[in-house]
């Protein structure tokens, strides 16, 4: 019974994939369609823009620390009322401290290069 219950969905999936492959065949292949510019002129430079890794690192660091602070802000008024929330606040502070120590370590190892 388990064998039949596992074969039926497998066969159904295979049939749907085959139907999808048959229906999605392209009859007309246009050579200009995949090109980055469709207006008729040849590009002088590469269509791909360079991406700044330093900007990405700063953005990720900002997001991590910003999210930590956002999670810690609602706990402040309720610290005296509930010990459960106090322990949650302590865990967030420990995570925040570990992140700051990691950031300082990366900065001292010069893995984060702010200027070229």
PDB file of N, CA and C in Angstrom:
ATOM      1  N   UNK A   1       0.821  -1.198   0.000  1.00  0.00           N
ATOM      2  CA  UNK A   1       0.000   0.000   0.000  1.00  0.00           C
ATOM      3  C   UNK A   1       0.875   1.276   0.000  1.00  0.00           C
ATOM      4  N   UNK A   2       1.971   1.245   0.778  1.00  0.00           N
ATOM      5  CA  UNK A   2       2.869   2.400   0.820  1.00  0.00           C
ATOM      6  C   UNK A   2       3.560   2.565  -0.530  1.00  0.00           C
ATOM      7  N   UNK A   3       3.891   1.453  -1.161  1.00  0.00           N
ATOM      8  CA  UNK A   3       4.536   1.505  -2.469  1.00  0.00           C
ATOM      9  C   UNK A   3       3.631   2.169  -3.500  1.00  0.00           C
ATOM     10  N   UNK A   4       2.373   1.807  -3.507  1.00  0.00           N
ATOM     11  CA  UNK A   4       1.411   2.396  -4.445  1.00  0.00           C
ATOM     12  C   UNK A   4       1.199   3.883  -4.124  1.00  0.00           C
ATOM     13  N   UNK A   5       1.180   4.230  -2.838  1.00  0.00           N
ATOM     14  CA  UNK A   5       0.976   5.618  -2.442  1.00  0.00           C
ATOM     15  C   UNK A   5       2.180   6.483  -2.810  1.00  0.00           C
ATOM     16  N   UNK A   6       3.340   5.887  -2.958  1.00  0.00           N
ATOM     17  CA  UNK A   6       4.496   6.678  -3.349  1.00  0.00           C
ATOM     18  C   UNK A   6       4.708   6.687  -4.866  1.00  0.00           C
ATOM     19  N   UNK A   7       4.235   5.674  -5.579  1.00  0.00           N
ATOM     20  CA  UNK A   7       4.400   5.613  -7.032  1.00  0.00           C
ATOM     21  C   UNK A   7       3.418   6.544  -7.741  1.00  0.00           C
ATOM     22  N   UNK A   8       2.204   6.635  -7.275  1.00  0.00           N
ATOM     23  CA  UNK A   8       1.180   7.449  -7.947  1.00  0.00           C
ATOM     24  C   UNK A   8       1.587   8.926  -8.005  1.00  0.00           C
ATOM     25  N   UNK A   9       2.020   9.568  -6.912  1.00  0.00           N
ATOM     26  CA  UNK A   9       2.457  10.969  -7.042  1.00  0.00           C
ATOM     27  C   UNK A   9       3.696  11.126  -7.925  1.00  0.00           C
ATOM     28  N   UNK A  10       4.596  10.143  -7.888  1.00  0.00           N
ATOM     29  CA  UNK A  10       5.784  10.200  -8.729  1.00  0.00           C
ATOM     30  C   UNK A  10       5.403  10.152 -10.206  1.00  0.00           C
ATOM     31  N   UNK A  11       4.514   9.268 -10.572  1.00  0.00           N
ATOM     32  CA  UNK A  11       4.072   9.173 -11.962  1.00  0.00           C
ATOM     33  C   UNK A  11       3.317  10.440 -12.393  1.00  0.00           C
ATOM     34  N   UNK A  12       2.486  10.933 -11.510  1.00  0.00           N
ATOM     35  CA  UNK A  12       1.746  12.162 -11.799  1.00  0.00           C
ATOM     36  C   UNK A  12       2.713  13.323 -12.038  1.00  0.00           C
ATOM     37  N   UNK A  13       3.770  13.412 -11.245  1.00  0.00           N
ATOM     38  CA  UNK A  13       4.769  14.473 -11.410  1.00  0.00           C
ATOM     39  C   UNK A  13       5.511  14.322 -12.729  1.00  0.00           C
ATOM     40  N   UNK A  14       5.893  13.117 -13.059  1.00  0.00           N
ATOM     41  CA  UNK A  14       6.604  12.873 -14.321  1.00  0.00           C
ATOM     42  C   UNK A  14       5.724  13.222 -15.512  1.00  0.00           C
ATOM     43  N   UNK A  15       4.456  12.858 -15.466  1.00  0.00           N
ATOM     44  CA  UNK A  15       3.526  13.185 -16.556  1.00  0.00           C
ATOM     45  C   UNK A  15       3.375  14.696 -16.704  1.00  0.00           C
ATOM     46  N   UNK A  16       3.255  15.422 -15.591  1.00  0.00           N
ATOM     47  CA  UNK A  16       3.119  16.879 -15.668  1.00  0.00           C
ATOM     48  C   UNK A  16       4.383  17.533 -16.221  1.00  0.00           C
ATOM     49  N   UNK A  17       5.542  17.025 -15.851  1.00  0.00           N
ATOM     50  CA  UNK A  17       6.789  17.576 -16.387  1.00  0.00           C
ATOM     51  C   UNK A  17       6.886  17.330 -17.880  1.00  0.00           C
ATOM     52  N   UNK A  18       6.489  16.168 -18.341  1.00  0.00           N
ATOM     53  CA  UNK A  18       6.542  15.864 -19.773  1.00  0.00           C
ATOM     54  C   UNK A  18       5.561  16.729 -20.558  1.00  0.00           C
ATOM     55  N   UNK A  19       4.366  16.935 -20.016  1.00  0.00           N
ATOM     56  CA  UNK A  19       3.390  17.809 -20.683  1.00  0.00           C
ATOM     57  C   UNK A  19       3.937  19.235 -20.760  1.00  0.00           C
ATOM     58  N   UNK A  20       4.563  19.674 -19.690  1.00  0.00           N
ATOM     59  CA  UNK A  20       5.146  21.011 -19.680  1.00  0.00           C
ATOM     60  C   UNK A  20       6.246  21.140 -20.726  1.00  0.00           C
ATOM     61  N   UNK A  21       7.101  20.140 -20.858  1.00  0.00           N
ATOM     62  CA  UNK A  21       8.168  20.189 -21.850  1.00  0.00           C
ATOM     63  C   UNK A  21       7.615  20.184 -23.274  1.00  0.00           C
ATOM     64  N   UNK A  22       6.556  19.443 -23.523  1.00  0.00           N
ATOM     65  CA  UNK A  22       5.968  19.406 -24.863  1.00  0.00           C
ATOM     66  C   UNK A  22       5.297  20.727 -25.220  1.00  0.00           C
ATOM     67  N   UNK A  23       4.621  21.336 -24.261  1.00  0.00           N
ATOM     68  CA  UNK A  23       3.906  22.580 -24.543  1.00  0.00           C
ATOM     69  C   UNK A  23       4.821  23.797 -24.584  1.00  0.00           C
ATOM     70  N   UNK A  24       5.998  23.717 -23.958  1.00  0.00           N
ATOM     71  CA  UNK A  24       6.862  24.891 -23.903  1.00  0.00           C
ATOM     72  C   UNK A  24       7.914  24.920 -24.999  1.00  0.00           C
ATOM     73  N   UNK A  25       7.831  24.040 -25.990  1.00  0.00           N
ATOM     74  CA  UNK A  25       8.778  24.076 -27.091  1.00  0.00           C
ATOM     75  C   UNK A  25       8.567  25.342 -27.906  1.00  0.00           C
ATOM     76  N   UNK A  26       9.666  26.028 -28.198  1.00  0.00           N
ATOM     77  CA  UNK A  26       9.566  27.263 -28.958  1.00  0.00           C
ATOM     78  C   UNK A  26       9.706  26.932 -30.434  1.00  0.00           C
ATOM     79  N   UNK A  27       8.742  27.384 -31.193  1.00  0.00           N
ATOM     80  CA  UNK A  27       8.745  27.123 -32.620  1.00  0.00           C
ATOM     81  C   UNK A  27       9.633  28.133 -33.333  1.00  0.00           C
ATOM     82  N   UNK A  28       9.546  29.388 -32.953  1.00  0.00           N
ATOM     83  CA  UNK A  28      10.278  30.438 -33.619  1.00  0.00           C
ATOM     84  C   UNK A  28      11.372  30.938 -32.685  1.00  0.00           C
ATOM     85  N   UNK A  29      12.630  30.824 -33.126  1.00  0.00           N
ATOM     86  CA  UNK A  29      13.766  31.261 -32.332  1.00  0.00           C
ATOM     87  C   UNK A  29      14.278  32.582 -32.903  1.00  0.00           C
ATOM     88  N   UNK A  30      14.136  33.645 -32.171  1.00  0.00           N
ATOM     89  CA  UNK A  30      14.599  34.957 -32.595  1.00  0.00           C
ATOM     90  C   UNK A  30      15.990  35.203 -32.015  1.00  0.00           C
ATOM     91  N   UNK A  31      16.962  35.533 -32.857  1.00  0.00           N
ATOM     92  CA  UNK A  31      18.329  35.699 -32.361  1.00  0.00           C
ATOM     93  C   UNK A  31      18.523  37.030 -31.640  1.00  0.00           C
ATOM     94  N   UNK A  32      17.663  37.989 -31.847  1.00  0.00           N
ATOM     95  CA  UNK A  32      17.780  39.277 -31.183  1.00  0.00           C
ATOM     96  C   UNK A  32      17.111  39.303 -29.813  1.00  0.00           C
ATOM     97  N   UNK A  33      16.270  38.351 -29.548  1.00  0.00           N
ATOM     98  CA  UNK A  33      15.528  38.362 -28.299  1.00  0.00           C
ATOM     99  C   UNK A  33      16.437  38.243 -27.066  1.00  0.00           C
ATOM    100  N   UNK A  34      17.422  37.343 -27.034  1.00  0.00           N
ATOM    101  CA  UNK A  34      18.248  37.257 -25.824  1.00  0.00           C
ATOM    102  C   UNK A  34      19.304  38.348 -25.700  1.00  0.00           C
ATOM    103  N   UNK A  35      19.467  39.200 -26.716  1.00  0.00           N
ATOM    104  CA  UNK A  35      20.482  40.245 -26.648  1.00  0.00           C
ATOM    105  C   UNK A  35      20.055  41.320 -25.647  1.00  0.00           C
ATOM    106  N   UNK A  36      21.023  42.004 -25.014  1.00  0.00           N
ATOM    107  CA  UNK A  36      20.664  42.982 -23.985  1.00  0.00           C
ATOM    108  C   UNK A  36      19.990  44.235 -24.539  1.00  0.00           C
ATOM    109  N   UNK A  37      20.274  44.592 -25.784  1.00  0.00           N
ATOM    110  CA  UNK A  37      19.656  45.770 -26.383  1.00  0.00           C
ATOM    111  C   UNK A  37      18.822  45.321 -27.586  1.00  0.00           C
ATOM    112  N   UNK A  38      17.584  45.769 -27.626  1.00  0.00           N
ATOM    113  CA  UNK A  38      16.707  45.384 -28.723  1.00  0.00           C
ATOM    114  C   UNK A  38      16.348  46.566 -29.611  1.00  0.00           C
ATOM    115  N   UNK A  39      17.065  47.681 -29.451  1.00  0.00           N
ATOM    116  CA  UNK A  39      16.683  48.858 -30.223  1.00  0.00           C
ATOM    117  C   UNK A  39      17.492  49.009 -31.506  1.00  0.00           C
ATOM    118  N   UNK A  40      18.425  48.121 -31.798  1.00  0.00           N
ATOM    119  CA  UNK A  40      19.068  48.125 -33.094  1.00  0.00           C
ATOM    120  C   UNK A  40      20.489  48.636 -33.142  1.00  0.00           C
ATOM    121  N   UNK A  41      21.083  49.101 -32.040  1.00  0.00           N
ATOM    122  CA  UNK A  41      22.467  49.549 -32.104  1.00  0.00           C
ATOM    123  C   UNK A  41      23.355  48.622 -31.286  1.00  0.00           C
ATOM    124  N   UNK A  42      24.601  48.597 -31.648  1.00  0.00           N
ATOM    125  CA  UNK A  42      25.561  47.772 -30.924  1.00  0.00           C
ATOM    126  C   UNK A  42      26.070  48.533 -29.703  1.00  0.00           C
ATOM    127  N   UNK A  43      26.110  47.903 -28.552  1.00  0.00           N
ATOM    128  CA  UNK A  43      26.593  48.600 -27.357  1.00  0.00           C
ATOM    129  C   UNK A  43      28.099  48.808 -27.414  1.00  0.00           C
ATOM    130  N   UNK A  44      28.556  49.947 -26.886  1.00  0.00           N
ATOM    131  CA  UNK A  44      29.983  50.258 -26.879  1.00  0.00           C
ATOM    132  C   UNK A  44      30.693  49.653 -25.678  1.00  0.00           C
ATOM    133  N   UNK A  45      29.968  49.466 -24.574  1.00  0.00           N
ATOM    134  CA  UNK A  45      30.558  48.907 -23.364  1.00  0.00           C
ATOM    135  C   UNK A  45      29.793  47.656 -22.963  1.00  0.00           C
ATOM    136  N   UNK A  46      30.264  47.020 -21.937  1.00  0.00           N
ATOM    137  CA  UNK A  46      29.608  45.819 -21.429  1.00  0.00           C
ATOM    138  C   UNK A  46      28.264  46.184 -20.799  1.00  0.00           C
ATOM    139  N   UNK A  47      27.238  45.381 -21.003  1.00  0.00           N
ATOM    140  CA  UNK A  47      25.942  45.694 -20.400  1.00  0.00           C
ATOM    141  C   UNK A  47      25.905  45.441 -18.896  1.00  0.00           C
ATOM    142  N   UNK A  48      26.903  44.744 -18.361  1.00  0.00           N
ATOM    143  CA  UNK A  48      26.931  44.444 -16.936  1.00  0.00           C
ATOM    144  C   UNK A  48      27.691  45.538 -16.199  1.00  0.00           C
ATOM    145  N   UNK A  49      27.059  46.112 -15.194  1.00  0.00           N
ATOM    146  CA  UNK A  49      27.690  47.160 -14.410  1.00  0.00           C
ATOM    147  C   UNK A  49      28.520  46.527 -13.295  1.00  0.00           C
ATOM    148  N   UNK A  50      29.648  47.121 -12.952  1.00  0.00           N
ATOM    149  CA  UNK A  50      30.440  46.568 -11.852  1.00  0.00           C
ATOM    150  C   UNK A  50      29.722  46.768 -10.524  1.00  0.00           C
ATOM    151  N   UNK A  51      29.923  45.821  -9.619  1.00  0.00           N
ATOM    152  CA  UNK A  51      29.258  45.854  -8.318  1.00  0.00           C
ATOM    153  C   UNK A  51      30.307  46.055  -7.235  1.00  0.00           C
ATOM    154  N   UNK A  52      30.063  46.984  -6.352  1.00  0.00           N
ATOM    155  CA  UNK A  52      31.006  47.297  -5.291  1.00  0.00           C
ATOM    156  C   UNK A  52      30.821  46.342  -4.116  1.00  0.00           C
ATOM    157  N   UNK A  53      31.820  45.522  -3.849  1.00  0.00           N
ATOM    158  CA  UNK A  53      31.760  44.587  -2.727  1.00  0.00           C
ATOM    159  C   UNK A  53      31.808  45.344  -1.404  1.00  0.00           C
ATOM    160  N   UNK A  54      32.537  46.466  -1.344  1.00  0.00           N
ATOM    161  CA  UNK A  54      32.611  47.247  -0.111  1.00  0.00           C
ATOM    162  C   UNK A  54      31.232  47.780   0.269  1.00  0.00           C
ATOM    163  N   UNK A  55      30.480  48.243  -0.730  1.00  0.00           N
ATOM    164  CA  UNK A  55      29.127  48.720  -0.448  1.00  0.00           C
ATOM    165  C   UNK A  55      28.262  47.587   0.080  1.00  0.00           C
ATOM    166  N   UNK A  56      28.398  46.404  -0.492  1.00  0.00           N
ATOM    167  CA  UNK A  56      27.628  45.242  -0.043  1.00  0.00           C
ATOM    168  C   UNK A  56      27.980  44.887   1.405  1.00  0.00           C
ATOM    169  N   UNK A  57      29.269  44.900   1.760  1.00  0.00           N
ATOM    170  CA  UNK A  57      29.677  44.579   3.131  1.00  0.00           C
ATOM    171  C   UNK A  57      29.122  45.598   4.121  1.00  0.00           C
ATOM    172  N   UNK A  58      29.188  46.870   3.788  1.00  0.00           N
ATOM    173  CA  UNK A  58      28.653  47.898   4.673  1.00  0.00           C
ATOM    174  C   UNK A  58      27.145  47.731   4.832  1.00  0.00           C
ATOM    175  N   UNK A  59      26.452  47.407   3.747  1.00  0.00           N
ATOM    176  CA  UNK A  59      24.999  47.221   3.817  1.00  0.00           C
ATOM    177  C   UNK A  59      24.640  46.022   4.678  1.00  0.00           C
ATOM    178  N   UNK A  60      25.366  44.916   4.548  1.00  0.00           N
ATOM    179  CA  UNK A  60      25.072  43.727   5.361  1.00  0.00           C
ATOM    180  C   UNK A  60      25.352  44.001   6.827  1.00  0.00           C
ATOM    181  N   UNK A  61      26.462  44.659   7.129  1.00  0.00           N
ATOM    182  CA  UNK A  61      26.775  44.993   8.524  1.00  0.00           C
ATOM    183  C   UNK A  61      25.708  45.913   9.102  1.00  0.00           C
ATOM    184  N   UNK A  62      25.281  46.903   8.326  1.00  0.00           N
ATOM    185  CA  UNK A  62      24.228  47.800   8.798  1.00  0.00           C
ATOM    186  C   UNK A  62      22.935  47.040   9.078  1.00  0.00           C
ATOM    187  N   UNK A  63      22.553  46.155   8.171  1.00  0.00           N
ATOM    188  CA  UNK A  63      21.311  45.407   8.373  1.00  0.00           C
ATOM    189  C   UNK A  63      21.366  44.520   9.608  1.00  0.00           C
ATOM    190  N   UNK A  64      22.485  43.844   9.812  1.00  0.00           N
ATOM    191  CA  UNK A  64      22.600  42.956  10.973  1.00  0.00           C
ATOM    192  C   UNK A  64      22.464  43.747  12.264  1.00  0.00           C
ATOM    193  N   UNK A  65      23.203  44.841  12.385  1.00  0.00           N
ATOM    194  CA  UNK A  65      23.139  45.609  13.624  1.00  0.00           C
ATOM    195  C   UNK A  65      21.818  46.353  13.763  1.00  0.00           C
ATOM    196  N   UNK A  66      21.241  46.784  12.670  1.00  0.00           N
ATOM    197  CA  UNK A  66      19.958  47.472  12.723  1.00  0.00           C
ATOM    198  C   UNK A  66      18.854  46.529  13.187  1.00  0.00           C
ATOM    199  N   UNK A  67      18.861  45.317  12.690  1.00  0.00           N
ATOM    200  CA  UNK A  67      17.837  44.348  13.103  1.00  0.00           C
ATOM    201  C   UNK A  67      17.994  44.003  14.579  1.00  0.00           C
ATOM    202  N   UNK A  68      19.218  43.878  15.058  1.00  0.00           N
ATOM    203  CA  UNK A  68      19.440  43.610  16.481  1.00  0.00           C
ATOM    204  C   UNK A  68      18.872  44.743  17.329  1.00  0.00           C
ATOM    205  N   UNK A  69      19.107  45.972  16.924  1.00  0.00           N
ATOM    206  CA  UNK A  69      18.609  47.110  17.703  1.00  0.00           C
ATOM    207  C   UNK A  69      17.081  47.165  17.650  1.00  0.00           C
ATOM    208  N   UNK A  70      16.503  46.864  16.507  1.00  0.00           N
ATOM    209  CA  UNK A  70      15.044  46.865  16.386  1.00  0.00           C
ATOM    210  C   UNK A  70      14.430  45.812  17.302  1.00  0.00           C
ATOM    211  N   UNK A  71      15.073  44.664  17.436  1.00  0.00           N
ATOM    212  CA  UNK A  71      14.555  43.633  18.336  1.00  0.00           C
ATOM    213  C   UNK A  71      14.711  44.021  19.804  1.00  0.00           C
ATOM    214  N   UNK A  72      15.731  44.804  20.125  1.00  0.00           N
ATOM    215  CA  UNK A  72      15.961  45.161  21.522  1.00  0.00           C
ATOM    216  C   UNK A  72      15.105  46.325  22.001  1.00  0.00           C
ATOM    217  N   UNK A  73      14.674  47.208  21.124  1.00  0.00           N
ATOM    218  CA  UNK A  73      13.933  48.395  21.552  1.00  0.00           C
ATOM    219  C   UNK A  73      12.611  48.096  22.276  1.00  0.00           C
ATOM    220  N   UNK A  74      11.776  47.167  21.837  1.00  0.00           N
ATOM    221  CA  UNK A  74      10.513  46.955  22.558  1.00  0.00           C
ATOM    222  C   UNK A  74      10.683  46.349  23.949  1.00  0.00           C
ATOM    223  N   UNK A  75      11.833  45.776  24.244  1.00  0.00           N
ATOM    224  CA  UNK A  75      12.019  45.141  25.538  1.00  0.00           C
ATOM    225  C   UNK A  75      12.261  46.137  26.664  1.00  0.00           C
ATOM    226  N   UNK A  76      12.712  47.326  26.365  1.00  0.00           N
ATOM    227  CA  UNK A  76      13.117  48.269  27.409  1.00  0.00           C
ATOM    228  C   UNK A  76      12.004  48.628  28.387  1.00  0.00           C
ATOM    229  N   UNK A  77      10.786  48.971  27.981  1.00  0.00           N
ATOM    230  CA  UNK A  77       9.772  49.339  28.977  1.00  0.00           C
ATOM    231  C   UNK A  77       9.310  48.168  29.836  1.00  0.00           C
ATOM    232  N   UNK A  78       9.451  46.967  29.346  1.00  0.00           N
ATOM    233  CA  UNK A  78       8.878  45.832  30.069  1.00  0.00           C
ATOM    234  C   UNK A  78       9.911  45.015  30.837  1.00  0.00           C
ATOM    235  N   UNK A  79      11.115  45.528  31.015  1.00  0.00           N
ATOM    236  CA  UNK A  79      12.156  44.759  31.706  1.00  0.00           C
ATOM    237  C   UNK A  79      11.840  44.541  33.173  1.00  0.00           C
ATOM    238  N   UNK A  80      11.179  45.489  33.830  1.00  0.00           N
ATOM    239  CA  UNK A  80      10.899  45.354  35.255  1.00  0.00           C
ATOM    240  C   UNK A  80       9.676  44.490  35.523  1.00  0.00           C
ATOM    241  N   UNK A  81       8.868  44.239  34.524  1.00  0.00           N
ATOM    242  CA  UNK A  81       7.615  43.521  34.745  1.00  0.00           C
ATOM    243  C   UNK A  81       7.716  42.017  34.537  1.00  0.00           C
ATOM    244  N   UNK A  82       8.612  41.581  33.666  1.00  0.00           N
ATOM    245  CA  UNK A  82       8.620  40.179  33.303  1.00  0.00           C
ATOM    246  C   UNK A  82      10.067  39.684  33.194  1.00  0.00           C
ATOM    247  N   UNK A  83      10.388  38.647  33.969  1.00  0.00           N
ATOM    248  CA  UNK A  83      11.740  38.103  33.920  1.00  0.00           C
ATOM    249  C   UNK A  83      11.996  37.336  32.638  1.00  0.00           C
ATOM    250  N   UNK A  84      10.960  36.791  32.032  1.00  0.00           N
ATOM    251  CA  UNK A  84      11.109  36.079  30.770  1.00  0.00           C
ATOM    252  C   UNK A  84      11.636  37.019  29.689  1.00  0.00           C
ATOM    253  N   UNK A  85      11.088  38.219  29.628  1.00  0.00           N
ATOM    254  CA  UNK A  85      11.559  39.205  28.660  1.00  0.00           C
ATOM    255  C   UNK A  85      12.968  39.684  28.998  1.00  0.00           C
ATOM    256  N   UNK A  86      13.277  39.710  30.300  1.00  0.00           N
ATOM    257  CA  UNK A  86      14.617  40.101  30.714  1.00  0.00           C
ATOM    258  C   UNK A  86      15.644  39.109  30.197  1.00  0.00           C
ATOM    259  N   UNK A  87      15.341  37.814  30.219  1.00  0.00           N
ATOM    260  CA  UNK A  87      16.259  36.810  29.707  1.00  0.00           C
ATOM    261  C   UNK A  87      16.377  36.879  28.180  1.00  0.00           C
ATOM    262  N   UNK A  88      15.277  37.203  27.507  1.00  0.00           N
ATOM    263  CA  UNK A  88      15.345  37.410  26.058  1.00  0.00           C
ATOM    264  C   UNK A  88      16.249  38.592  25.731  1.00  0.00           C
ATOM    265  N   UNK A  89      16.126  39.652  26.526  1.00  0.00           N
ATOM    266  CA  UNK A  89      16.963  40.832  26.308  1.00  0.00           C
ATOM    267  C   UNK A  89      18.431  40.493  26.525  1.00  0.00           C
ATOM    268  N   UNK A  90      18.716  39.675  27.526  1.00  0.00           N
ATOM    269  CA  UNK A  90      20.096  39.276  27.761  1.00  0.00           C
ATOM    270  C   UNK A  90      20.637  38.450  26.596  1.00  0.00           C
ATOM    271  N   UNK A  91      19.810  37.583  26.030  1.00  0.00           N
ATOM    272  CA  UNK A  91      20.278  36.771  24.898  1.00  0.00           C
ATOM    273  C   UNK A  91      20.551  37.658  23.677  1.00  0.00           C
ATOM    274  N   UNK A  92      19.695  38.642  23.434  1.00  0.00           N
ATOM    275  CA  UNK A  92      19.953  39.555  22.316  1.00  0.00           C
ATOM    276  C   UNK A  92      21.209  40.387  22.553  1.00  0.00           C
ATOM    277  N   UNK A  93      21.432  40.795  23.804  1.00  0.00           N
ATOM    278  CA  UNK A  93      22.647  41.540  24.102  1.00  0.00           C
ATOM    279  C   UNK A  93      23.885  40.679  23.903  1.00  0.00           C
ATOM    280  N   UNK A  94      23.824  39.413  24.250  1.00  0.00           N
ATOM    281  CA  UNK A  94      24.967  38.522  24.047  1.00  0.00           C
ATOM    282  C   UNK A  94      25.247  38.342  22.553  1.00  0.00           C
ATOM    283  N   UNK A  95      24.196  38.188  21.762  1.00  0.00           N
ATOM    284  CA  UNK A  95      24.377  38.072  20.321  1.00  0.00           C
ATOM    285  C   UNK A  95      24.968  39.359  19.759  1.00  0.00           C
ATOM    286  N   UNK A  96      24.491  40.493  20.247  1.00  0.00           N
ATOM    287  CA  UNK A  96      24.992  41.786  19.780  1.00  0.00           C
ATOM    288  C   UNK A  96      26.459  41.958  20.126  1.00  0.00           C
ATOM    289  N   UNK A  97      26.833  41.564  21.336  1.00  0.00           N
ATOM    290  CA  UNK A  97      28.227  41.671  21.755  1.00  0.00           C
ATOM    291  C   UNK A  97      29.111  40.762  20.912  1.00  0.00           C
ATOM    292  N   UNK A  98      28.630  39.550  20.616  1.00  0.00           N
ATOM    293  CA  UNK A  98      29.400  38.637  19.758  1.00  0.00           C
ATOM    294  C   UNK A  98      29.570  39.219  18.351  1.00  0.00           C
ATOM    295  N   UNK A  99      28.535  39.860  17.828  1.00  0.00           N
ATOM    296  CA  UNK A  99      28.639  40.480  16.514  1.00  0.00           C
ATOM    297  C   UNK A  99      29.630  41.637  16.510  1.00  0.00           C
ATOM    298  N   UNK A 100      29.633  42.425  17.575  1.00  0.00           N
ATOM    299  CA  UNK A 100      30.580  43.537  17.662  1.00  0.00           C
ATOM    300  C   UNK A 100      32.013  43.007  17.760  1.00  0.00           C
ATOM    301  N   UNK A 101      32.214  41.945  18.549  1.00  0.00           N
ATOM    302  CA  UNK A 101      33.551  41.355  18.658  1.00  0.00           C
ATOM    303  C   UNK A 101      33.995  40.805  17.301  1.00  0.00           C
ATOM    304  N   UNK A 102      33.083  40.165  16.572  1.00  0.00           N
ATOM    305  CA  UNK A 102      33.408  39.672  15.234  1.00  0.00           C
ATOM    306  C   UNK A 102      33.738  40.797  14.272  1.00  0.00           C
ATOM    307  N   UNK A 103      33.012  41.901  14.365  1.00  0.00           N
ATOM    308  CA  UNK A 103      33.287  43.055  13.508  1.00  0.00           C
ATOM    309  C   UNK A 103      34.658  43.649  13.818  1.00  0.00           C
ATOM    310  N   UNK A 104      34.990  43.756  15.096  1.00  0.00           N
ATOM    311  CA  UNK A 104      36.298  44.279  15.480  1.00  0.00           C
ATOM    312  C   UNK A 104      37.406  43.344  14.996  1.00  0.00           C
ATOM    313  N   UNK A 105      37.190  42.040  15.111  1.00  0.00           N
ATOM    314  CA  UNK A 105      38.183  41.070  14.643  1.00  0.00           C
ATOM    315  C   UNK A 105      38.391  41.190  13.127  1.00  0.00           C
ATOM    316  N   UNK A 106      37.300  41.282  12.372  1.00  0.00           N
ATOM    317  CA  UNK A 106      37.415  41.420  10.919  1.00  0.00           C
ATOM    318  C   UNK A 106      38.110  42.723  10.543  1.00  0.00           C
ATOM    319  N   UNK A 107      37.846  43.770  11.286  1.00  0.00           N
ATOM    320  CA  UNK A 107      38.474  45.049  11.016  1.00  0.00           C
ATOM    321  C   UNK A 107      39.975  44.988  11.300  1.00  0.00           C
ATOM    322  N   UNK A 108      40.366  44.326  12.412  1.00  0.00           N
ATOM    323  CA  UNK A 108      41.786  44.191  12.734  1.00  0.00           C
ATOM    324  C   UNK A 108      42.512  43.282  11.749  1.00  0.00           C
ATOM    325  N   UNK A 109      41.836  42.289  11.206  1.00  0.00           N
ATOM    326  CA  UNK A 109      42.440  41.405  10.202  1.00  0.00           C
ATOM    327  C   UNK A 109      42.457  42.043   8.816  1.00  0.00           C
ATOM    328  N   UNK A 110      41.889  43.212   8.704  1.00  0.00           N
ATOM    329  CA  UNK A 110      41.767  43.983   7.460  1.00  0.00           C
ATOM    330  C   UNK A 110      40.999  43.213   6.382  1.00  0.00           C
ATOM    331  N   UNK A 111      40.008  42.452   6.829  1.00  0.00           N
ATOM    332  CA  UNK A 111      39.118  41.791   5.876  1.00  0.00           C
ATOM    333  C   UNK A 111      38.091  42.768   5.334  1.00  0.00           C
ATOM    334  N   UNK A 112      37.786  43.771   6.135  1.00  0.00           N
ATOM    335  CA  UNK A 112      36.856  44.827   5.708  1.00  0.00           C
ATOM    336  C   UNK A 112      37.697  46.024   5.308  1.00  0.00           C
ATOM    337  N   UNK A 113      37.795  46.269   4.024  1.00  0.00           N
ATOM    338  CA  UNK A 113      38.572  47.384   3.511  1.00  0.00           C
ATOM    339  C   UNK A 113      37.603  48.507   3.160  1.00  0.00           C
ATOM    340  N   UNK A 114      37.647  49.588   3.928  1.00  0.00           N
ATOM    341  CA  UNK A 114      36.704  50.676   3.715  1.00  0.00           C
ATOM    342  C   UNK A 114      37.110  51.526   2.520  1.00  0.00           C
ATOM    343  N   UNK A 115      38.390  51.700   2.312  1.00  0.00           N
ATOM    344  CA  UNK A 115      38.872  52.518   1.195  1.00  0.00           C
ATOM    345  C   UNK A 115      39.855  51.707   0.363  1.00  0.00           C
ATOM    346  N   UNK A 116      39.890  51.991  -0.925  1.00  0.00           N
ATOM    347  CA  UNK A 116      40.837  51.282  -1.795  1.00  0.00           C
ATOM    348  C   UNK A 116      42.172  51.961  -1.806  1.00  0.00           C
TER     349      UNK A 116
END
